[in-house]
């Protein structure tokens, strides 16, 4: 039998696998694990079942076309073809598409995450923040082109026209959508701390369509928000993880607008029917609310001021060290002397001096007038 090289063997195997009609287009069902999202945009992950696993490669060009978030522990059907990496002799599944493996798998993933977050206290009622009675600014994290922002805007214009609506445009479905929801919540907390309430939401759909709001990252962003959050996802019968993590769950986006802003006519009636003491209490509540907003802003400014002071202090210390290093007297303290000629100019070279010239030597503690007897130049 004639021997062949390793490269020839791997090349032959690659050719056989790439031309096999079964392996040219396969659909493999399994659980996603060990996802690595490379800086290039490519994904690497394992697809496994109870007895085996296969390495998978999803190119960056395909990532953007995924219809929902892909998380570890979820079951999917992965479509693609088998390819061989000749250098290592390994093979993998080159992925062209990923589909959720039915509502049952998503429901199981939902229950798994729900149990985990509940054990951590993410849904604890003690952590829920109370909504302000008379909000002035309401932040909305949703699609800028969907029906949600239109419904919320119409409802607030009708019920509380004095309320300002701040929109953070976000994806509400598909790859990268969970990240934009989290970014929206972070934006209002850090850039607009004067926001009274944040609403996150989207319209109805299947469990797969709503999956963005079942992502762990979204639940934690809602939990960490210093500003009260209302979760308004889907229809009345839809429940998602963000509903459980939020301070208030609204059955629909319209209901969210109704919850956070009392009707202006009702406010007028309350004022007319209130005693002077009650009116004072209502105004006092508003003052306290504004005070809390100002304290949030103050904390942010204090932090920024401390950071700026520390930066300037470091720069000042560095400048002081540089100034000290360039001080000629500091050099003289090491046993050196500086030289001035008869015209009072500093001299750093013997060149130009002649026998009989008068010079002055400057020491750290004084000076001495000298007469040059002889000048010797280095060759």
Protein backbone atom coordinates (compact mmCIF):
# COMPACT_ATOMS: atom_id res chain seq x y z
CA UNK A 1 0.00 0.00 0.00
CA UNK A 2 1.40 3.37 -1.01
CA UNK A 3 1.65 5.86 1.82
CA UNK A 4 0.22 9.40 1.61
CA UNK A 5 0.81 12.56 3.62
CA UNK A 6 -1.48 13.81 6.36
CA UNK A 7 -2.38 16.79 4.21
CA UNK A 8 -3.37 14.52 1.33
CA UNK A 9 -5.56 12.44 3.64
CA UNK A 10 -7.33 15.48 5.13
CA UNK A 11 -7.78 16.97 1.66
CA UNK A 12 -9.35 13.74 0.45
CA UNK A 13 -11.69 13.57 3.45
CA UNK A 14 -12.71 17.20 2.89
CA UNK A 15 -13.49 16.47 -0.75
CA UNK A 16 -15.55 13.40 0.13
CA UNK A 17 -17.57 15.18 2.83
CA UNK A 18 -18.14 18.31 0.75
CA UNK A 19 -19.54 16.28 -2.15
CA UNK A 20 -21.73 13.95 -0.10
CA UNK A 21 -25.35 14.91 -0.98
CA UNK A 22 -26.56 14.17 2.55
CA UNK A 23 -23.91 16.31 4.24
CA UNK A 24 -24.25 19.18 1.78
CA UNK A 25 -27.51 20.23 3.42
CA UNK A 26 -28.35 18.94 6.90
CA UNK A 27 -30.75 19.93 9.67
CA UNK A 28 -29.45 18.95 13.11
CA UNK A 29 -31.42 19.28 16.33
CA UNK A 30 -29.65 19.91 19.64
CA UNK A 31 -28.90 22.22 22.54
CA UNK A 32 -26.71 25.30 22.10
CA UNK A 33 -23.67 25.53 24.39
CA UNK A 34 -20.31 27.30 24.65
CA UNK A 35 -21.17 30.26 22.42
CA UNK A 36 -18.19 32.44 21.47
CA UNK A 37 -19.02 35.70 19.69
CA UNK A 38 -15.77 36.71 18.01
CA UNK A 39 -14.83 40.36 17.48
CA UNK A 40 -15.00 39.69 13.74
CA UNK A 41 -18.73 39.02 14.10
CA UNK A 42 -18.41 35.26 13.57
CA UNK A 43 -19.92 32.86 16.10
CA UNK A 44 -18.52 29.55 17.30
CA UNK A 45 -20.60 27.19 19.42
CA UNK A 46 -21.34 23.54 20.17
CA UNK A 47 -24.57 21.74 19.33
CA UNK A 48 -25.09 18.80 21.67
CA UNK A 49 -27.51 16.13 22.79
CA UNK A 50 -27.29 13.61 25.62
CA UNK A 51 -24.68 11.52 23.84
CA UNK A 52 -22.57 13.70 21.57
CA UNK A 53 -21.76 17.17 20.27
CA UNK A 54 -20.57 18.89 17.10
CA UNK A 55 -18.69 22.16 16.63
CA UNK A 56 -20.56 24.82 14.66
CA UNK A 57 -19.49 27.95 12.82
CA UNK A 58 -21.91 30.79 12.06
CA UNK A 59 -20.41 33.50 9.80
CA UNK A 60 -20.98 37.15 10.59
CA UNK A 61 -22.92 37.57 7.35
CA UNK A 62 -25.59 35.21 8.70
CA UNK A 63 -25.77 36.55 12.27
CA UNK A 64 -27.76 39.62 11.31
CA UNK A 65 -30.48 37.53 9.66
CA UNK A 66 -31.32 35.53 12.80
CA UNK A 67 -34.91 36.13 13.86
CA UNK A 68 -34.45 36.01 17.63
CA UNK A 69 -31.87 35.92 20.37
CA UNK A 70 -29.82 32.74 20.66
CA UNK A 71 -28.95 31.72 24.21
CA UNK A 72 -27.07 28.81 25.71
CA UNK A 73 -29.27 26.00 26.96
CA UNK A 74 -31.95 26.51 24.30
CA UNK A 75 -32.81 23.79 21.77
CA UNK A 76 -32.61 24.65 18.09
CA UNK A 77 -32.62 23.05 14.70
CA UNK A 78 -29.42 24.16 12.98
CA UNK A 79 -29.22 24.12 9.20
CA UNK A 80 -25.97 23.97 7.23
CA UNK A 81 -23.33 21.76 5.67
CA UNK A 82 -20.34 19.79 6.93
CA UNK A 83 -16.95 21.35 6.31
CA UNK A 84 -13.43 20.16 7.13
CA UNK A 85 -10.60 22.29 8.47
CA UNK A 86 -7.71 20.55 6.73
CA UNK A 87 -4.95 21.93 8.92
CA UNK A 88 -6.27 20.28 12.10
CA UNK A 89 -8.22 17.47 10.48
CA UNK A 90 -11.35 18.56 12.34
CA UNK A 91 -14.81 18.98 10.92
CA UNK A 92 -17.66 21.28 11.87
CA UNK A 93 -21.14 22.32 10.85
CA UNK A 94 -21.10 25.46 8.70
CA UNK A 95 -24.36 27.12 9.78
CA UNK A 96 -26.70 28.84 7.34
CA UNK A 97 -29.77 29.22 9.59
CA UNK A 98 -31.07 28.52 13.10
CA UNK A 99 -34.67 27.83 14.07
CA UNK A 100 -36.20 27.40 17.50
CA UNK A 101 -37.17 23.80 18.18
CA UNK A 102 -40.85 24.43 18.83
CA UNK A 103 -42.81 26.29 21.50
CA UNK A 104 -42.13 23.52 23.98
CA UNK A 105 -38.37 24.14 23.99
CA UNK A 106 -38.84 27.89 24.41
CA UNK A 107 -41.32 27.31 27.22
CA UNK A 108 -38.82 25.04 28.97
CA UNK A 109 -36.10 27.68 28.62
CA UNK A 110 -38.53 30.28 29.99
CA UNK A 111 -39.25 28.19 33.09
CA UNK A 112 -35.57 27.46 33.61
CA UNK A 113 -34.60 31.14 33.57
CA UNK A 114 -37.64 32.11 35.64
CA UNK A 115 -36.64 29.67 38.37
CA UNK A 116 -33.03 30.91 38.35
CA UNK A 117 -33.89 34.61 38.60
CA UNK A 118 -36.58 34.01 41.19
CA UNK A 119 -34.03 32.24 43.40
CA UNK A 120 -31.77 35.31 43.13
CA UNK A 121 -34.55 37.65 44.25
CA UNK A 122 -34.93 39.45 40.91
CA UNK A 123 -38.73 39.18 41.21
CA UNK A 124 -38.87 40.02 44.94
CA UNK A 125 -41.82 42.39 45.62
CA UNK A 126 -39.70 44.14 48.28
CA UNK A 127 -37.49 45.48 45.48
CA UNK A 128 -40.36 47.00 43.50
CA UNK A 129 -40.26 50.79 43.27
CA UNK A 130 -43.40 52.88 43.60
CA UNK A 131 -44.48 54.87 40.56
CA UNK A 132 -44.57 58.66 41.03
CA UNK A 133 -48.09 60.05 41.26
CA UNK A 134 -47.56 62.91 38.84
CA UNK A 135 -44.77 62.09 36.39
CA UNK A 136 -43.46 64.82 34.12
CA UNK A 137 -41.13 62.81 31.88
CA UNK A 138 -41.76 59.26 30.68
CA UNK A 139 -39.07 57.35 28.79
CA UNK A 140 -40.18 54.74 26.27
CA UNK A 141 -37.85 52.01 25.00
CA UNK A 142 -39.40 50.45 21.91
CA UNK A 143 -39.40 50.46 18.12
CA UNK A 144 -39.69 53.98 16.68
CA UNK A 145 -41.88 52.71 13.82
CA UNK A 146 -44.20 50.29 15.66
CA UNK A 147 -47.71 50.79 16.98
CA UNK A 148 -46.51 50.85 20.60
CA UNK A 149 -45.06 54.36 20.63
CA UNK A 150 -48.08 55.67 18.72
CA UNK A 151 -50.54 54.12 21.19
CA UNK A 152 -48.61 55.43 24.19
CA UNK A 153 -48.29 58.92 22.70
CA UNK A 154 -52.00 59.12 21.82
CA UNK A 155 -53.04 57.92 25.26
CA UNK A 156 -50.77 60.35 27.09
CA UNK A 157 -51.81 63.29 24.90
CA UNK A 158 -55.42 62.55 25.77
CA UNK A 159 -54.97 61.85 29.47
CA UNK A 160 -51.96 63.96 30.48
CA UNK A 161 -50.83 66.40 27.77
CA UNK A 162 -48.39 68.01 30.22
CA UNK A 163 -46.26 64.83 30.27
CA UNK A 164 -43.13 64.81 28.08
CA UNK A 165 -42.43 61.58 26.16
CA UNK A 166 -38.79 60.61 25.58
CA UNK A 167 -38.26 57.83 23.02
CA UNK A 168 -35.20 55.59 22.93
CA UNK A 169 -35.42 53.73 19.58
CA UNK A 170 -34.73 50.03 20.07
CA UNK A 171 -35.08 46.70 18.33
CA UNK A 172 -37.84 44.59 19.85
CA UNK A 173 -37.22 41.33 17.95
CA UNK A 174 -34.32 39.52 16.37
CA UNK A 175 -30.60 39.39 16.91
CA UNK A 176 -29.22 42.25 18.99
CA UNK A 177 -32.64 43.37 20.21
CA UNK A 178 -32.02 42.47 23.86
CA UNK A 179 -28.86 44.58 23.84
CA UNK A 180 -30.71 47.67 22.58
CA UNK A 181 -33.42 47.29 25.24
CA UNK A 182 -30.70 47.17 27.92
CA UNK A 183 -28.96 50.18 26.36
CA UNK A 184 -32.23 52.14 26.46
CA UNK A 185 -32.75 51.47 30.17
CA UNK A 186 -29.13 52.42 30.85
CA UNK A 187 -29.48 55.61 28.79
CA UNK A 188 -32.34 56.98 30.87
CA UNK A 189 -30.63 56.07 34.15
CA UNK A 190 -27.30 57.65 33.23
CA UNK A 191 -28.05 60.37 30.66
CA UNK A 192 -31.59 61.38 31.64
CA UNK A 193 -31.92 60.77 35.40
CA UNK A 194 -34.76 63.32 35.46
CA UNK A 195 -36.97 60.69 33.78
CA UNK A 196 -39.77 59.66 36.16
CA UNK A 197 -40.81 56.33 34.59
CA UNK A 198 -39.45 54.01 31.90
CA UNK A 199 -41.79 51.92 29.73
CA UNK A 200 -40.34 49.00 27.78
CA UNK A 201 -42.57 47.10 25.40
CA UNK A 202 -43.76 45.84 22.05
CA UNK A 203 -46.93 44.49 20.44
CA UNK A 204 -48.18 40.93 20.58
CA UNK A 205 -46.80 37.85 18.89
CA UNK A 206 -45.73 34.27 19.42
CA UNK A 207 -43.45 33.18 22.24
CA UNK A 208 -40.62 33.26 19.72
CA UNK A 209 -41.51 36.84 18.69
CA UNK A 210 -41.55 38.02 22.30
CA UNK A 211 -38.36 36.21 23.27
CA UNK A 212 -36.26 39.40 23.54
CA UNK A 213 -38.14 40.23 26.74
CA UNK A 214 -37.35 36.76 28.12
CA UNK A 215 -33.60 37.37 27.93
CA UNK A 216 -31.66 37.32 31.19
CA UNK A 217 -29.79 40.52 30.30
CA UNK A 218 -33.07 42.43 29.94
CA UNK A 219 -34.37 41.14 33.28
CA UNK A 220 -31.20 42.25 35.04
CA UNK A 221 -31.23 45.67 33.39
CA UNK A 222 -34.82 46.17 34.56
CA UNK A 223 -33.91 45.05 38.08
CA UNK A 224 -30.86 47.35 38.25
CA UNK A 225 -32.73 50.44 37.03
CA UNK A 226 -32.94 53.24 39.61
CA UNK A 227 -35.94 54.62 37.69
CA UNK A 228 -39.22 52.65 38.00
CA UNK A 229 -39.86 50.40 34.99
CA UNK A 230 -43.18 49.34 33.49
CA UNK A 231 -43.07 46.23 31.28
CA UNK A 232 -45.75 46.34 28.58
CA UNK A 233 -45.22 43.42 26.22
CA UNK A 234 -47.75 41.82 23.94
CA UNK A 235 -51.41 41.30 24.77
CA UNK A 236 -53.18 40.79 28.07
CA UNK A 237 -52.57 37.02 28.08
CA UNK A 238 -48.84 37.30 27.29
CA UNK A 239 -46.35 36.97 30.14
CA UNK A 240 -42.60 37.46 29.80
CA UNK A 241 -39.65 37.53 32.18
CA UNK A 242 -39.40 41.33 32.05
CA UNK A 243 -42.97 41.51 33.41
CA UNK A 244 -41.82 39.68 36.53
CA UNK A 245 -38.66 41.78 36.97
CA UNK A 246 -40.36 45.14 36.36
CA UNK A 247 -41.79 47.36 39.08
CA UNK A 248 -45.17 47.22 37.33
CA UNK A 249 -46.54 44.91 34.64
CA UNK A 250 -49.01 46.39 32.14
CA UNK A 251 -51.24 44.13 30.06
CA UNK A 252 -50.71 46.30 26.95
CA UNK A 253 -48.67 49.39 26.00
CA UNK A 254 -51.85 51.49 26.14
CA UNK A 255 -52.51 50.21 29.65
CA UNK A 256 -48.96 51.24 30.60
CA UNK A 257 -49.68 54.83 29.56
CA UNK A 258 -52.92 54.78 31.55
CA UNK A 259 -51.18 53.39 34.64
CA UNK A 260 -48.40 55.96 34.82
CA UNK A 261 -50.41 59.10 34.02
CA UNK A 262 -53.76 59.88 35.70
CA UNK A 263 -56.33 61.63 33.51
CA UNK A 264 -56.05 65.40 33.67
CA UNK A 265 -59.82 65.72 34.30
CA UNK A 266 -59.48 63.47 37.33
CA UNK A 267 -56.67 65.65 38.63
CA UNK A 268 -58.81 68.75 38.22
CA UNK A 269 -61.64 67.09 40.14
CA UNK A 270 -59.28 66.07 42.90
CA UNK A 271 -57.98 69.61 43.23
CA UNK A 272 -61.50 71.06 43.32
CA UNK A 273 -62.60 68.56 45.96
CA UNK A 274 -59.46 68.69 48.05
CA UNK A 275 -59.16 70.57 51.30
CA UNK A 276 -56.27 73.05 51.59
CA UNK A 277 -54.37 70.46 53.64
CA UNK A 278 -54.82 67.81 50.96
CA UNK A 279 -53.70 70.21 48.24
CA UNK A 280 -50.63 71.01 50.31
CA UNK A 281 -49.92 67.29 50.72
CA UNK A 282 -50.24 66.77 46.97
CA UNK A 283 -47.84 69.62 46.26
CA UNK A 284 -45.49 68.37 48.95
CA UNK A 285 -45.40 64.95 47.26
CA UNK A 286 -44.45 66.65 44.04
CA UNK A 287 -41.68 68.59 45.79
CA UNK A 288 -40.33 65.38 47.30
CA UNK A 289 -40.36 63.73 43.89
CA UNK A 290 -38.40 66.60 42.37
CA UNK A 291 -36.01 66.48 45.31
CA UNK A 292 -35.27 62.82 44.62
CA UNK A 293 -34.64 63.65 40.97
CA UNK A 294 -32.26 66.44 41.95
CA UNK A 295 -30.44 64.12 44.34
CA UNK A 296 -29.92 61.63 41.50
CA UNK A 297 -28.54 64.42 39.33
CA UNK A 298 -26.38 65.69 42.22
CA UNK A 299 -24.91 62.23 42.78
CA UNK A 300 -23.97 62.08 39.11
CA UNK A 301 -22.41 65.55 39.21
CA UNK A 302 -20.52 64.75 42.42
CA UNK A 303 -19.08 61.64 40.86
CA UNK A 304 -18.05 63.56 37.74
CA UNK A 305 -16.49 66.35 39.85
CA UNK A 306 -14.44 63.91 41.94
CA UNK A 307 -13.22 62.20 38.78
CA UNK A 308 -12.24 65.56 37.26
CA UNK A 309 -10.42 66.68 40.42
CA UNK A 310 -8.48 63.42 40.60
CA UNK A 311 -7.50 63.79 36.94
CA UNK A 312 -6.32 67.38 37.42
CA UNK A 313 -4.46 66.42 40.60
CA UNK A 314 -2.60 63.68 38.74
CA UNK A 315 -1.69 66.08 35.94
CA UNK A 316 -0.51 68.69 38.47
CA UNK A 317 1.68 66.13 40.26
CA UNK A 318 3.18 65.05 36.95
CA UNK A 319 3.87 68.66 35.94
CA UNK A 320 5.48 69.31 39.33
CA UNK A 321 7.75 66.32 38.93
CA UNK A 322 8.76 67.45 35.45
CA UNK A 323 9.43 71.00 36.70
CA UNK A 324 11.51 69.72 39.57
CA UNK A 325 13.52 67.49 37.23
CA UNK A 326 14.31 70.47 34.99
CA UNK A 327 15.33 72.78 37.90
CA UNK A 328 19.07 73.54 37.47
CA UNK A 329 19.48 73.89 41.23
CA UNK A 330 18.37 70.30 41.63
CA UNK A 331 21.22 69.27 39.35
CA UNK A 332 23.69 71.40 41.33
CA UNK A 333 22.68 69.56 44.49
CA UNK A 334 24.24 66.41 43.04
CA UNK A 335 27.78 67.89 43.06
CA UNK A 336 27.75 69.75 39.75
CA UNK A 337 28.38 73.45 39.02
CA UNK A 338 27.06 75.76 36.31
CA UNK A 339 29.29 78.19 34.35
CA UNK A 340 28.68 81.79 33.23
CA UNK A 341 31.11 83.74 31.02
CA UNK A 342 32.14 87.36 31.51
CA UNK A 343 28.99 88.51 29.67
CA UNK A 344 26.78 86.62 32.12
CA UNK A 345 25.77 83.97 29.57
CA UNK A 346 25.49 80.32 30.55
CA UNK A 347 28.27 78.19 29.05
CA UNK A 348 27.88 74.44 28.47
CA UNK A 349 31.01 73.97 26.34
CA UNK A 350 34.72 74.72 26.75
CA UNK A 351 34.85 75.71 23.10
CA UNK A 352 35.11 79.50 22.76
CA UNK A 353 36.95 80.00 26.04
CA UNK A 354 40.56 81.20 26.06
CA UNK A 355 43.35 81.47 28.58
CA UNK A 356 42.86 84.61 30.65
CA UNK A 357 39.03 84.68 30.34
CA UNK A 358 37.09 85.28 33.51
CA UNK A 359 34.21 82.92 34.34
CA UNK A 360 31.83 82.45 37.27
CA UNK A 361 31.09 79.05 38.78
CA UNK A 362 27.57 78.74 40.24
CA UNK A 363 27.21 76.28 43.11
CA UNK A 364 24.11 75.29 45.05
CA UNK A 365 25.10 77.52 48.00
CA UNK A 366 26.97 80.33 46.22
CA UNK A 367 29.34 81.25 43.40
CA UNK A 368 33.07 81.78 42.70
CA UNK A 369 34.83 84.09 40.20
CA UNK A 370 37.62 82.23 38.36
CA UNK A 371 40.39 82.95 35.84
CA UNK A 372 40.92 80.46 32.99
CA UNK A 373 44.54 79.31 32.88
CA UNK A 374 44.25 76.73 30.11
CA UNK A 375 41.50 75.38 27.79
CA UNK A 376 41.59 71.71 26.69
CA UNK A 377 39.03 70.45 24.12
CA UNK A 378 38.10 66.77 23.76
CA UNK A 379 39.06 65.32 20.42
